[in-house]
Amino acid sequence: MSLTQLQNYAEGHWHTASKTGETLHNAITGEAIYTASSDGLDFASMMDYARKVGGPALRKLTFHERGRMLKALAFYLLDRKDYFYEISALTGATRADSWVDIEGGIGNLFSYASLRRQFPDERFYVDGQQAKISKQGTFVGQHIMVPLQGVAIHINAFNFPVWGMLEKIAVNLLAGVPAIVKPATLTSFLTEAVFKSIIESSILPEGSLQLICGSARGITDQVRNGDVVTFTGSATTGLMLKSSARILSEAVPFNLEADSLNCCVLGPDVTPEMPEWDLFIKEVVREMTTKAGQKCTAIRRILVPSDKVEDVQIALGKRLKGTTVGDPRVEGVRMGPLAGQSQREEVRTRVAELSQTQELVIGSLTDFEVIGADKEKGAFLSPLVFLNTDPFRKTDVHEIEAFGPVSTILPYDTLDDAIELAKMGRGSLVCSIVTADDAIARDFVLEAAIMHGRIMVLNRDCAKESTGHGSPLPMLIHGGPGRAGGGEEMGGMRGVMHYLQRTAVQGSPTTLTAITNVYQQGGAQRETEVHPFRKHFEDLQIGDTLITAKHTVTEADITNFANVSGDHFYAHMDATSLEGTIFEGRVAHGYYILSKAAGMFVDAKKGPVLLNYGIDECRFTKPVYPGTTIGVKLTVKEKTDTEKRDETDVAKGIVRWLVDVYDQTGETVAIATILTMVKKRNQS
């Protein structure tokens, strides 16, 4: 029987290799179903194509345009998810496993699409506040971040063929950087199916993505400055690639996310009658059996108070006994096979090694039932739990990982012991602690955080909405120190910034305003005859300024504001109580100054300004006493376009205004950024 040969996507075309390559199998039946080869691909040419075609096309788009592109792609893939589920079953994944991989991956696209709103509608990002370098303020500095002009190479693991690809490309595409995706060959047939839908959608600019299903050996020899390499898999392979001469000589960022010996801790306060006890047992079982334990975040070490080891062992045994193993397409099956025979043999080898120093107390390598499939032809294993009675001396458990449904119970006597055992894994992606005592949670987190990329604290208060120990989230970093590789993926804006170059730009405030399209304090301001609140969104220009009439603050102003607001703080109202304070007399409320400023710059008539959207970065920098004369400079600082929710929505944008309130000496007494929603002239 001829096997289907997977295709590679390179330089705008699908390529079928002339050589057969590696044979891929159905994890349930062991039947050969695909072959994969990269024979004939020119990696150097692919990378050049990404840099010259994909990169420029993506960099022409703004963050908002790239985000909308991700959103459209997410909807497109979601409409085709049922087809992906069919193929996913061949990797051994149950419906629940596939949901994490497929819809979890698509969810990353949605999440990063939404993240566009935290970036400007520009092709670059202005990072942080202006740095005032000179005394008179004529020479300042500002950090900007621009997309790297290289290519991201993503070398992914076999366990999440969809999520592994989508969680990475969501980030680099939002940043404006093209990618070459290299999935693990073992399950690359599912990645290929999703990738074909991405290309068929025609949503992404040409050159944005390329795919290698076969071997990519030697691809890192083609990297150069401006590229980024991400690797998910074994620490040994990752470190070998990371230390290659080309990576080092070209100073190419290398994000390593390695499998780690993650742990879950039962707090010393938790007893069998507490809700936290059941939460702990459920969490451990779920993380052992989801994806048949083939997760980089799976729980490998179960830390339990010494006096509760027997109870935990009994509870885990009962719950794991109800885990039905078999064909994931059969109703009632809770755990499918491993991804392939090679993976099963690898796990069996690691189990044999662990058996030298600890006792297998739950499960068996041979004596278990498989539903709807042949136990030997498919890559099936039973959930296995070891007991290590002396984890400080029998340390194989802190060194050896069986990448399957395998975990070990480790007893501890004190919380300090639990912290030390957690850290003996020498770096993990995630650790969790189940406790009802917040003091215990605090002590554990602050001491254990040094060795973990993420720590989840689970109790009855958050359990209902908890996403679980093993679920990385787009807005939080995914990575960890030490054995886990020292990398960071995702993490919201932090993840995007891995694909941006941060540069400090120095010059005059006016010049930096022109470069950044964000008004830099001290830059040139333009007054026009038309009040800025009378201008539509399109007509407002960065630097447009209104200089108001002035007002002299009186004691009556202070008293009246106190009566209206209810703020009778002594510094505003009692001149006899100011001894030992910084004030020379009754001082005006800061919020009065801001409110009065609004009254001075607002145009009261109905116009394009729809509403006040908020206040950022408000500071009261100098006391204002009765007799002080204040004025306001209102300047357009930044503009952000917004999308119409539907055809009936008003076309509008958000305008950030710099509000500079100054006194008769010209010194600033209050400064803030206010946001208004401004109607567009063109409503189409």
Foldseek 3Di string as FASTA:
>chain_A
DDAAEFWWFALHDTDGAPDQAAWAAQQFQLHTHYTADPHPDDLLVRFVSLLPFQQVVLLVFFLLLLLVLLVVLLVLQVVVVVVLQVLVLSLFAFPVLSCCQRVVLSVLSNVLSVLSVVAFRHSKGWDDAKAQDDPVQFKIKTKIWHFQSGEEEEEEEQLRLRNSVSLFLSQNSSRRGAYEYEYALRSCVSNSVSVVSSVVVVSGGPSRYIYHNHDPPPSLVSDAARYEYEYEEALVVLVVSCPDPRCVVRVHHYFYFYQFQAAEEEDPVDDPVFPLNVVLLVQLQCLLANLQLQASQRHAEYEYAPVCVVVSLVSNQVVLVLQAEESSVDPSHRHTAHSHQVLLVQLVVLVVVLVVQWAWDHADQPPDDYPPGDPVSRRHGRQIEIEHACCVPSPVSLPTDRRGSYHYYYHDHDLVRVLVSSCSVVAGQEYEYEDPDVVSVVVSCVSNVQRYQYYYYDYPVCSVPDPGSRRDDQLGWGFMDGSRRPGTDRNRPVNSSVRIDMDMDMGGQQVVCVVPVFRHPPHAADEDPDQPQQDFQVPAGFRHKDKFDKDFAALVLQVVVCVVVVDPPCLQPPQVPCPPHPDPGHFHDPVSLVVVQCVGRDDPDDHQFDFWDFKADKDFADTHDGGWMKIKMKGFGHKHFDDAPDLPGFGWIKTWIWIFIATPVRHTRMIIIIITIGGHPDRD
